[in-house]
């Protein structure tokens, strides 16, 4: 009987009978890399962080009675896999879920599949030592393109500073904002969470009135745009209310004068 070995070993066999001994050398070869494992794959080599995938482990021969268990591991918390996957008896492969988390920048994550063979030797205390046969799989995680769903407030008056809040998804530290056209300067950009960014929009007094497009850029790309409108200072709501009040007072005085004149005329 032989046992699995990690490297090729030459064993000397001796036979004795009637005072005569003979020896022979037997070479025990190590299994091919991976041992009982034939392959370790995933459906995709590149994944957007936050998306899930499916992996497969395969054996070189059908799993024995009771099935075959393969240990799985990830070297980074951004990808998680089950601790083990069992290949049913008589089957050659099994699949498992690969779960990923959003990432701020691209990263390579290494997954390992390990099949532990039967005992291969004794360590001097009569305890069997397992021989591990492993495959590795490299998956590249990519940051998602940010999504911008709203800018609030959605407008600002010429010559003012606007404290803006942008809402969306896949925002990360280091994100930058852009406002199309000229006359609007962005500062104090702060990423509060993956879904919220605050910033200051400084609107020049001579900025052209009209719509601008606001976008967010991260390592994952640039978002779609949302509209921010620059309002003419002469048409600002406050100025408009003041004109309305003046108009009302003027009309009221005029109406009052006309009424008194009519009354005097009636006398």
Protein backbone atom coordinates (compact mmCIF):
# COMPACT_ATOMS: atom_id res chain seq x y z
CA UNK A 1 0.00 0.00 0.00
CA UNK A 2 1.24 3.51 -0.73
CA UNK A 3 0.16 6.90 0.55
CA UNK A 4 -0.06 10.27 -1.14
CA UNK A 5 3.15 12.29 -0.97
CA UNK A 6 3.83 15.97 -1.52
CA UNK A 7 6.98 15.24 -3.58
CA UNK A 8 8.46 12.20 -5.33
CA UNK A 9 9.96 9.73 -2.85
CA UNK A 10 12.19 6.67 -3.41
CA UNK A 11 11.36 3.88 -0.95
CA UNK A 12 13.62 0.91 -0.32
CA UNK A 13 11.88 -2.43 0.04
CA UNK A 14 13.73 -5.33 1.66
CA UNK A 15 12.70 -8.99 1.65
CA UNK A 16 14.47 -11.69 3.69
CA UNK A 17 14.10 -15.47 3.74
CA UNK A 18 16.40 -18.36 4.61
CA UNK A 19 19.14 -15.96 5.51
CA UNK A 20 19.03 -14.29 2.13
CA UNK A 21 17.92 -10.65 1.67
CA UNK A 22 17.00 -8.78 -1.43
CA UNK A 23 16.27 -5.07 -1.84
CA UNK A 24 14.43 -3.04 -4.42
CA UNK A 25 13.65 0.64 -4.87
CA UNK A 26 10.08 1.85 -5.38
CA UNK A 27 9.47 5.44 -6.50
CA UNK A 28 6.25 6.98 -5.17
CA UNK A 29 5.34 9.97 -7.32
CA UNK A 30 3.49 13.04 -6.08
CA UNK A 31 0.10 13.71 -7.68
CA UNK A 32 -0.18 16.31 -10.40
CA UNK A 33 -0.66 19.90 -9.18
CA UNK A 34 -4.10 20.23 -7.70
CA UNK A 35 -4.27 16.57 -6.89
CA UNK A 36 -7.89 15.43 -7.09
CA UNK A 37 -8.92 18.93 -8.18
CA UNK A 38 -9.19 19.36 -11.93
CA UNK A 39 -10.23 23.01 -12.09
CA UNK A 40 -11.42 26.03 -10.10
CA UNK A 41 -13.25 28.69 -12.14
CA UNK A 42 -15.72 31.55 -11.98
CA UNK A 43 -18.27 32.70 -14.54
CA UNK A 44 -16.47 36.08 -14.88
CA UNK A 45 -12.91 37.21 -14.29
CA UNK A 46 -13.92 40.85 -13.74
CA UNK A 47 -16.80 41.90 -11.51
CA UNK A 48 -18.36 45.22 -10.53
CA UNK A 49 -18.19 45.50 -6.75
CA UNK A 50 -21.62 44.71 -5.33
CA UNK A 51 -22.50 42.21 -8.06
CA UNK A 52 -22.53 38.47 -7.40
CA UNK A 53 -21.13 35.62 -9.45
CA UNK A 54 -20.95 31.82 -9.49
CA UNK A 55 -17.88 29.63 -9.15
CA UNK A 56 -17.24 25.97 -9.95
CA UNK A 57 -14.89 23.36 -8.51
CA UNK A 58 -14.28 20.16 -10.48
CA UNK A 59 -12.55 16.87 -9.69
CA UNK A 60 -10.38 14.69 -11.87
CA UNK A 61 -12.68 11.74 -11.14
CA UNK A 62 -16.14 11.20 -9.65
CA UNK A 63 -16.49 11.95 -5.94
CA UNK A 64 -16.45 8.88 -3.70
CA UNK A 65 -19.32 7.64 -1.54
CA UNK A 66 -20.28 10.36 0.91
CA UNK A 67 -19.15 13.09 -1.49
CA UNK A 68 -15.99 15.20 -1.58
CA UNK A 69 -15.52 18.43 0.37
CA UNK A 70 -13.46 21.33 -0.90
CA UNK A 71 -12.46 24.22 1.36
CA UNK A 72 -12.81 27.74 -0.05
CA UNK A 73 -11.15 30.97 1.08
CA UNK A 74 -10.75 34.61 -0.01
CA UNK A 75 -7.78 36.84 0.78
CA UNK A 76 -9.90 40.00 0.88
CA UNK A 77 -13.13 40.84 2.70
CA UNK A 78 -14.60 42.46 -0.42
CA UNK A 79 -15.29 38.95 -1.78
CA UNK A 80 -16.88 36.25 0.34
CA UNK A 81 -17.35 32.58 -0.50
CA UNK A 82 -18.74 29.62 1.50
CA UNK A 83 -16.27 27.97 3.86
CA UNK A 84 -16.76 24.67 2.02
CA UNK A 85 -18.49 23.21 -1.00
CA UNK A 86 -19.49 19.54 -1.27
CA UNK A 87 -19.34 17.61 -4.51
CA UNK A 88 -21.99 14.85 -4.33
CA UNK A 89 -20.99 11.20 -4.61
CA UNK A 90 -20.55 10.20 -8.23
CA UNK A 91 -20.42 13.83 -9.44
CA UNK A 92 -17.36 15.58 -10.74
CA UNK A 93 -18.19 19.20 -9.94
CA UNK A 94 -20.24 21.59 -7.80
CA UNK A 95 -21.01 25.30 -7.94
CA UNK A 96 -21.01 27.97 -5.23
CA UNK A 97 -21.96 31.65 -4.82
CA UNK A 98 -19.37 34.43 -5.00
CA UNK A 99 -20.59 37.55 -3.18
CA UNK A 100 -18.85 40.90 -3.63
CA UNK A 101 -19.00 44.29 -1.90
CA UNK A 102 -18.76 47.73 -3.55
CA UNK A 103 -15.20 49.02 -3.89
CA UNK A 104 -13.79 52.52 -4.31
CA UNK A 105 -11.04 51.42 -6.69
CA UNK A 106 -10.01 48.37 -8.68
CA UNK A 107 -8.46 45.50 -6.75
CA UNK A 108 -7.41 41.90 -7.39
CA UNK A 109 -8.76 39.29 -4.98
CA UNK A 110 -7.40 35.76 -4.74
CA UNK A 111 -9.69 32.81 -4.03
CA UNK A 112 -8.37 29.41 -2.99
CA UNK A 113 -9.95 25.97 -3.30
CA UNK A 114 -8.31 23.22 -1.23
CA UNK A 115 -9.00 19.50 -1.34
CA UNK A 116 -7.57 17.51 1.59
CA UNK A 117 -6.52 14.01 0.65
CA UNK A 118 -6.31 10.95 2.86
CA UNK A 119 -3.57 10.65 5.48
CA UNK A 120 -0.13 10.59 3.92
CA UNK A 121 2.28 10.00 6.78
CA UNK A 122 2.69 9.88 10.49
CA UNK A 123 4.32 12.72 12.35
CA UNK A 124 6.11 10.57 14.92
CA UNK A 125 3.17 10.52 17.31
CA UNK A 126 1.02 8.32 15.15
CA UNK A 127 -1.14 11.24 14.01
CA UNK A 128 -1.99 11.35 10.31
CA UNK A 129 -1.00 14.51 8.43
CA UNK A 130 -3.24 15.64 5.55
CA UNK A 131 -1.80 16.65 2.21
CA UNK A 132 -3.54 19.71 0.76
CA UNK A 133 -3.98 20.10 -2.99
CA UNK A 134 -5.05 23.62 -3.97
CA UNK A 135 -6.07 25.75 -6.90
CA UNK A 136 -6.20 29.56 -6.91
CA UNK A 137 -8.47 31.91 -8.81
CA UNK A 138 -7.86 35.63 -9.35
CA UNK A 139 -10.87 37.94 -9.66
CA UNK A 140 -10.61 41.66 -10.39
CA UNK A 141 -13.17 43.85 -8.63
CA UNK A 142 -14.06 47.13 -10.33
CA UNK A 143 -15.78 50.19 -8.83
CA UNK A 144 -19.29 50.87 -10.02
CA UNK A 145 -20.08 53.95 -12.10
CA UNK A 146 -21.68 56.51 -9.75
CA UNK A 147 -25.34 57.31 -10.16
CA UNK A 148 -26.70 60.82 -9.58
CA UNK A 149 -30.44 61.08 -8.98
CA UNK A 150 -30.97 64.62 -7.65
CA UNK A 151 -29.38 67.97 -6.80
CA UNK A 152 -30.98 70.05 -4.08
CA UNK A 153 -31.77 72.85 -4.23
CA UNK A 154 -32.16 72.60 -7.97
CA UNK A 155 -31.51 76.30 -8.60
CA UNK A 156 -29.57 79.32 -7.33
CA UNK A 157 -29.53 83.06 -7.87
CA UNK A 158 -26.75 84.99 -9.59
CA UNK A 159 -24.20 86.35 -7.12
CA UNK A 160 -24.97 83.84 -4.33
CA UNK A 161 -23.43 80.72 -2.79
CA UNK A 162 -25.63 77.63 -2.72
CA UNK A 163 -25.17 74.78 -0.21
CA UNK A 164 -26.02 71.83 -2.44
CA UNK A 165 -26.75 68.22 -1.57
CA UNK A 166 -26.36 65.56 -4.25
CA UNK A 167 -28.11 62.23 -3.87
CA UNK A 168 -27.28 59.04 -5.74
CA UNK A 169 -25.25 55.84 -5.42
CA UNK A 170 -21.65 54.58 -5.48
CA UNK A 171 -20.15 57.79 -4.12
CA UNK A 172 -16.65 57.45 -2.63
CA UNK A 173 -14.04 59.67 -1.01
CA UNK A 174 -12.18 61.48 -3.73
CA UNK A 175 -15.29 62.02 -5.84
CA UNK A 176 -15.30 65.22 -7.88
CA UNK A 177 -18.19 67.33 -9.15
CA UNK A 178 -18.54 69.25 -12.38
CA UNK A 179 -21.05 71.89 -13.46
CA UNK A 180 -21.29 72.54 -17.17
CA UNK A 181 -20.85 75.97 -18.68
CA UNK A 182 -19.21 78.89 -16.91
CA UNK A 183 -20.01 81.07 -13.94
CA UNK A 184 -20.55 78.32 -11.33
CA UNK A 185 -17.58 77.25 -9.18
CA UNK A 186 -17.69 74.10 -7.03
CA UNK A 187 -15.94 73.90 -3.66
CA UNK A 188 -16.15 72.19 -0.24
CA UNK A 189 -16.99 68.80 -1.76
CA UNK A 190 -17.62 66.27 1.03
CA UNK A 191 -18.73 62.66 0.58
CA UNK A 192 -21.04 61.96 3.50
CA UNK A 193 -21.89 58.42 2.44
CA UNK A 194 -22.15 56.20 -0.61
CA UNK A 195 -25.43 57.98 -1.42
CA UNK A 196 -24.83 61.61 -0.43
CA UNK A 197 -22.40 64.41 -1.31
CA UNK A 198 -22.49 68.02 -0.15
CA UNK A 199 -20.80 70.93 -1.89
CA UNK A 200 -20.89 74.70 -2.33
CA UNK A 201 -21.92 76.18 -5.68
CA UNK A 202 -20.59 79.75 -6.00
CA UNK A 203 -22.62 81.50 -8.69
CA UNK A 204 -20.96 84.55 -10.24
CA UNK A 205 -23.01 87.72 -10.47
CA UNK A 206 -22.50 87.74 -14.23
CA UNK A 207 -23.21 84.01 -14.72
CA UNK A 208 -25.62 83.48 -17.59
CA UNK A 209 -29.08 82.52 -16.41
CA UNK A 210 -30.23 79.08 -17.46
CA UNK A 211 -29.76 75.36 -16.93
CA UNK A 212 -26.47 73.66 -16.11
CA UNK A 213 -25.65 69.94 -15.97
CA UNK A 214 -24.11 68.54 -12.78
CA UNK A 215 -22.12 65.27 -12.82
CA UNK A 216 -20.15 63.17 -10.31
CA UNK A 217 -16.89 61.43 -11.20
CA UNK A 218 -15.16 58.62 -9.27
CA UNK A 219 -12.69 55.88 -10.13
CA UNK A 220 -15.66 53.98 -11.56
CA UNK A 221 -16.51 56.64 -14.14
CA UNK A 222 -18.81 59.64 -14.54
CA UNK A 223 -22.48 59.71 -13.64
CA UNK A 224 -25.34 60.84 -15.76
CA UNK A 225 -26.25 64.50 -15.34
CA UNK A 226 -28.84 66.32 -13.28
CA UNK A 227 -30.04 69.88 -13.90
CA UNK A 228 -29.09 72.90 -11.80
CA UNK A 229 -30.60 76.23 -12.89
CA UNK A 230 -29.01 79.64 -12.51
CA UNK A 231 -31.71 82.23 -11.90
CA UNK A 232 -31.45 85.89 -12.92
CA UNK A 233 -31.11 88.07 -9.84
CA UNK A 234 -33.86 90.36 -11.15
CA UNK A 235 -36.20 87.40 -11.30
CA UNK A 236 -35.32 85.96 -7.91
CA UNK A 237 -38.28 85.05 -5.69
CA UNK A 238 -37.39 87.68 -3.05
CA UNK A 239 -37.20 90.48 -5.59
CA UNK A 240 -40.43 89.25 -7.09
CA UNK A 241 -42.23 89.34 -3.74
CA UNK A 242 -40.96 92.84 -3.07
CA UNK A 243 -42.30 94.04 -6.43
CA UNK A 244 -45.63 92.37 -5.67
CA UNK A 245 -45.85 94.22 -2.35
CA UNK A 246 -44.98 97.53 -4.00
CA UNK A 247 -47.53 96.90 -6.71
CA UNK A 248 -50.19 96.06 -4.14
CA UNK A 249 -49.47 99.19 -2.14
CA UNK A 250 -49.58 101.35 -5.26
CA UNK A 251 -52.81 99.81 -6.46
CA UNK A 252 -54.28 100.09 -2.98
CA UNK A 253 -53.44 103.79 -2.73
CA UNK A 254 -54.80 104.33 -6.18
CA UNK A 255 -57.98 102.49 -5.37
CA UNK A 256 -58.31 104.41 -2.13
CA UNK A 257 -57.80 107.80 -3.88
CA UNK A 258 -60.33 106.97 -6.53
CA UNK A 259 -62.85 105.98 -3.92
CA UNK A 260 -62.44 109.23 -1.97
CA UNK A 261 -62.64 111.26 -5.17
CA UNK A 262 -65.82 109.52 -6.11
CA UNK A 263 -67.23 110.18 -2.68
CA UNK A 264 -66.39 113.91 -2.90
CA UNK A 265 -67.85 114.03 -6.37
CA UNK A 266 -70.99 112.43 -5.07
CA UNK A 267 -71.31 115.23 -2.52
